[in-house]
């Protein structure tokens, strides 16, 4: 069964770019998308992803609050925060709620792909 990825980001454009890029990788599948943290938690419980990618700034529930809940529900599923608002405080806050990696949206997409690839290898 291919690794399943859940994308949680309030931007339809970002979700589309990420879905297209992830599904270009052999054996990867985007099993769902959500536009906010609350929707992401609900979707995660139905699609059972192997990895969840979270934005930070979203309406209804932000990525940190969603990560806190997701980590309790699915402690073995890696969480990556993909954000435009990277600060030193965010790094430590993210790690404290169960996020394993924080990456900037302004960085190269290849960094995100490499991170996901490493997490899938480590889980295999």
C-alpha atoms as a PDB file:
ATOM      1  CA  UNK A   1       0.000   0.000   0.000  1.00  0.00           C
ATOM      2  CA  UNK A   2       1.497   3.388  -0.962  1.00  0.00           C
ATOM      3  CA  UNK A   3       2.245   5.910   1.781  1.00  0.00           C
ATOM      4  CA  UNK A   4      -0.741   8.208   2.294  1.00  0.00           C
ATOM      5  CA  UNK A   5      -0.324  11.951   2.862  1.00  0.00           C
ATOM      6  CA  UNK A   6      -2.878  14.373   4.301  1.00  0.00           C
ATOM      7  CA  UNK A   7      -2.415  18.041   3.319  1.00  0.00           C
ATOM      8  CA  UNK A   8      -3.894  20.621   5.719  1.00  0.00           C
ATOM      9  CA  UNK A   9      -3.617  24.177   4.360  1.00  0.00           C
ATOM     10  CA  UNK A  10      -6.184  26.938   3.906  1.00  0.00           C
ATOM     11  CA  UNK A  11      -4.885  27.820   0.431  1.00  0.00           C
ATOM     12  CA  UNK A  12      -6.425  25.746  -2.399  1.00  0.00           C
ATOM     13  CA  UNK A  13      -3.476  26.781  -4.600  1.00  0.00           C
ATOM     14  CA  UNK A  14      -0.895  25.450  -2.113  1.00  0.00           C
ATOM     15  CA  UNK A  15      -2.884  22.232  -1.636  1.00  0.00           C
ATOM     16  CA  UNK A  16      -3.027  21.730  -5.403  1.00  0.00           C
ATOM     17  CA  UNK A  17       0.706  22.383  -5.878  1.00  0.00           C
ATOM     18  CA  UNK A  18       1.582  19.986  -3.057  1.00  0.00           C
ATOM     19  CA  UNK A  19      -0.805  17.275  -4.269  1.00  0.00           C
ATOM     20  CA  UNK A  20       0.636  17.485  -7.790  1.00  0.00           C
ATOM     21  CA  UNK A  21       4.213  17.370  -6.517  1.00  0.00           C
ATOM     22  CA  UNK A  22       3.659  14.556  -4.009  1.00  0.00           C
ATOM     23  CA  UNK A  23       1.783  12.394  -6.490  1.00  0.00           C
ATOM     24  CA  UNK A  24       4.634  12.824  -8.991  1.00  0.00           C
ATOM     25  CA  UNK A  25       6.739  10.745  -6.580  1.00  0.00           C
ATOM     26  CA  UNK A  26       6.522   7.013  -7.336  1.00  0.00           C
ATOM     27  CA  UNK A  27       4.336   5.259  -4.783  1.00  0.00           C
ATOM     28  CA  UNK A  28       3.108   8.354  -2.921  1.00  0.00           C
ATOM     29  CA  UNK A  29      -0.612   9.128  -2.630  1.00  0.00           C
ATOM     30  CA  UNK A  30      -2.419  12.158  -1.261  1.00  0.00           C
ATOM     31  CA  UNK A  31      -5.286  10.563   0.621  1.00  0.00           C
ATOM     32  CA  UNK A  32      -6.980  13.802   1.619  1.00  0.00           C
ATOM     33  CA  UNK A  33      -6.955  17.559   1.934  1.00  0.00           C
ATOM     34  CA  UNK A  34      -8.339  19.917   4.547  1.00  0.00           C
ATOM     35  CA  UNK A  35      -8.678  23.707   4.694  1.00  0.00           C
ATOM     36  CA  UNK A  36      -8.210  24.144   8.466  1.00  0.00           C
ATOM     37  CA  UNK A  37      -6.995  22.293  11.525  1.00  0.00           C
ATOM     38  CA  UNK A  38     -10.402  21.096  12.689  1.00  0.00           C
ATOM     39  CA  UNK A  39     -11.186  19.689   9.246  1.00  0.00           C
ATOM     40  CA  UNK A  40      -7.717  18.127   9.207  1.00  0.00           C
ATOM     41  CA  UNK A  41      -8.346  16.250  12.455  1.00  0.00           C
ATOM     42  CA  UNK A  42     -11.679  14.930  11.139  1.00  0.00           C
ATOM     43  CA  UNK A  43     -10.166  13.937   7.780  1.00  0.00           C
ATOM     44  CA  UNK A  44      -7.173  12.220   9.431  1.00  0.00           C
ATOM     45  CA  UNK A  45      -9.532   9.925  11.323  1.00  0.00           C
ATOM     46  CA  UNK A  46     -11.205   8.786   8.100  1.00  0.00           C
ATOM     47  CA  UNK A  47      -8.257   8.541   5.667  1.00  0.00           C
ATOM     48  CA  UNK A  48      -5.637   7.200   8.152  1.00  0.00           C
ATOM     49  CA  UNK A  49      -2.597   8.976   6.630  1.00  0.00           C
ATOM     50  CA  UNK A  50       1.017   7.897   7.076  1.00  0.00           C
ATOM     51  CA  UNK A  51       2.098  11.557   7.203  1.00  0.00           C
ATOM     52  CA  UNK A  52       0.324  14.875   7.806  1.00  0.00           C
ATOM     53  CA  UNK A  53       1.496  18.201   6.407  1.00  0.00           C
ATOM     54  CA  UNK A  54       0.143  21.222   8.317  1.00  0.00           C
ATOM     55  CA  UNK A  55       0.108  24.937   7.637  1.00  0.00           C
ATOM     56  CA  UNK A  56       0.422  27.187  10.704  1.00  0.00           C
ATOM     57  CA  UNK A  57      -1.945  30.084  10.016  1.00  0.00           C
ATOM     58  CA  UNK A  58      -5.422  28.788   9.168  1.00  0.00           C
ATOM     59  CA  UNK A  59      -8.952  29.827  10.092  1.00  0.00           C
ATOM     60  CA  UNK A  60     -11.009  27.943  12.710  1.00  0.00           C
ATOM     61  CA  UNK A  61      -7.998  26.014  14.107  1.00  0.00           C
ATOM     62  CA  UNK A  62      -4.322  26.729  13.492  1.00  0.00           C
ATOM     63  CA  UNK A  63      -1.655  24.141  12.764  1.00  0.00           C
ATOM     64  CA  UNK A  64      -0.200  24.054  16.278  1.00  0.00           C
ATOM     65  CA  UNK A  65      -3.558  23.326  17.890  1.00  0.00           C
ATOM     66  CA  UNK A  66      -4.330  20.725  15.231  1.00  0.00           C
ATOM     67  CA  UNK A  67      -0.907  19.106  15.714  1.00  0.00           C
ATOM     68  CA  UNK A  68      -1.475  18.868  19.457  1.00  0.00           C
ATOM     69  CA  UNK A  69      -4.746  16.974  18.889  1.00  0.00           C
ATOM     70  CA  UNK A  70      -3.411  14.869  16.009  1.00  0.00           C
ATOM     71  CA  UNK A  71      -0.342  13.805  17.984  1.00  0.00           C
ATOM     72  CA  UNK A  72      -2.621  12.538  20.783  1.00  0.00           C
ATOM     73  CA  UNK A  73      -4.900  10.707  18.322  1.00  0.00           C
ATOM     74  CA  UNK A  74      -2.136   9.322  16.083  1.00  0.00           C
ATOM     75  CA  UNK A  75       1.167   9.442  17.980  1.00  0.00           C
ATOM     76  CA  UNK A  76       3.079   7.414  15.383  1.00  0.00           C
ATOM     77  CA  UNK A  77       2.072   9.550  12.376  1.00  0.00           C
ATOM     78  CA  UNK A  78       4.778  12.111  11.517  1.00  0.00           C
ATOM     79  CA  UNK A  79       3.632  15.731  11.406  1.00  0.00           C
ATOM     80  CA  UNK A  80       5.402  18.345   9.277  1.00  0.00           C
ATOM     81  CA  UNK A  81       4.635  22.049   9.581  1.00  0.00           C
ATOM     82  CA  UNK A  82       4.962  23.875   6.251  1.00  0.00           C
ATOM     83  CA  UNK A  83       4.644  27.594   6.959  1.00  0.00           C
ATOM     84  CA  UNK A  84       5.434  31.126   5.857  1.00  0.00           C
ATOM     85  CA  UNK A  85       5.929  32.209   9.486  1.00  0.00           C
ATOM     86  CA  UNK A  86       9.057  30.413  10.704  1.00  0.00           C
ATOM     87  CA  UNK A  87      10.564  31.807  13.912  1.00  0.00           C
ATOM     88  CA  UNK A  88      12.786  30.354  16.610  1.00  0.00           C
ATOM     89  CA  UNK A  89       9.820  30.237  18.988  1.00  0.00           C
ATOM     90  CA  UNK A  90       7.729  28.390  16.421  1.00  0.00           C
ATOM     91  CA  UNK A  91      10.386  25.684  16.083  1.00  0.00           C
ATOM     92  CA  UNK A  92      10.350  24.946  19.810  1.00  0.00           C
ATOM     93  CA  UNK A  93       6.553  25.223  20.105  1.00  0.00           C
ATOM     94  CA  UNK A  94       6.095  22.879  17.146  1.00  0.00           C
ATOM     95  CA  UNK A  95       8.442  20.248  18.560  1.00  0.00           C
ATOM     96  CA  UNK A  96       6.646  20.476  21.927  1.00  0.00           C
ATOM     97  CA  UNK A  97       3.271  19.570  20.355  1.00  0.00           C
ATOM     98  CA  UNK A  98       4.593  16.623  18.344  1.00  0.00           C
ATOM     99  CA  UNK A  99       5.664  18.131  15.024  1.00  0.00           C
ATOM    100  CA  UNK A 100       8.851  16.447  13.815  1.00  0.00           C
ATOM    101  CA  UNK A 101       9.961  19.074  11.265  1.00  0.00           C
ATOM    102  CA  UNK A 102       9.175  22.721  10.447  1.00  0.00           C
ATOM    103  CA  UNK A 103       9.881  23.922   6.909  1.00  0.00           C
ATOM    104  CA  UNK A 104       9.417  27.321   5.276  1.00  0.00           C
ATOM    105  CA  UNK A 105       7.125  27.665   2.281  1.00  0.00           C
ATOM    106  CA  UNK A 106       9.636  30.109   0.783  1.00  0.00           C
ATOM    107  CA  UNK A 107      12.303  27.395   0.687  1.00  0.00           C
ATOM    108  CA  UNK A 108      12.786  25.009  -2.218  1.00  0.00           C
ATOM    109  CA  UNK A 109      10.062  22.383  -2.575  1.00  0.00           C
ATOM    110  CA  UNK A 110      12.843  19.826  -2.914  1.00  0.00           C
ATOM    111  CA  UNK A 111      13.573  20.321   0.826  1.00  0.00           C
ATOM    112  CA  UNK A 112      10.007  19.271   1.649  1.00  0.00           C
ATOM    113  CA  UNK A 113      10.170  16.281  -0.702  1.00  0.00           C
ATOM    114  CA  UNK A 114      13.500  15.180   0.812  1.00  0.00           C
ATOM    115  CA  UNK A 115      12.068  15.478   4.321  1.00  0.00           C
ATOM    116  CA  UNK A 116       8.990  13.398   3.445  1.00  0.00           C
ATOM    117  CA  UNK A 117      11.150  10.828   1.664  1.00  0.00           C
ATOM    118  CA  UNK A 118      13.351  10.476   4.771  1.00  0.00           C
ATOM    119  CA  UNK A 119      10.340  10.085   7.057  1.00  0.00           C
ATOM    120  CA  UNK A 120       8.862   7.380   4.816  1.00  0.00           C
ATOM    121  CA  UNK A 121      12.222   5.532   4.732  1.00  0.00           C
ATOM    122  CA  UNK A 122      12.528   5.744   8.519  1.00  0.00           C
ATOM    123  CA  UNK A 123       9.003   4.342   8.931  1.00  0.00           C
ATOM    124  CA  UNK A 124       9.630   1.404   6.566  1.00  0.00           C
END
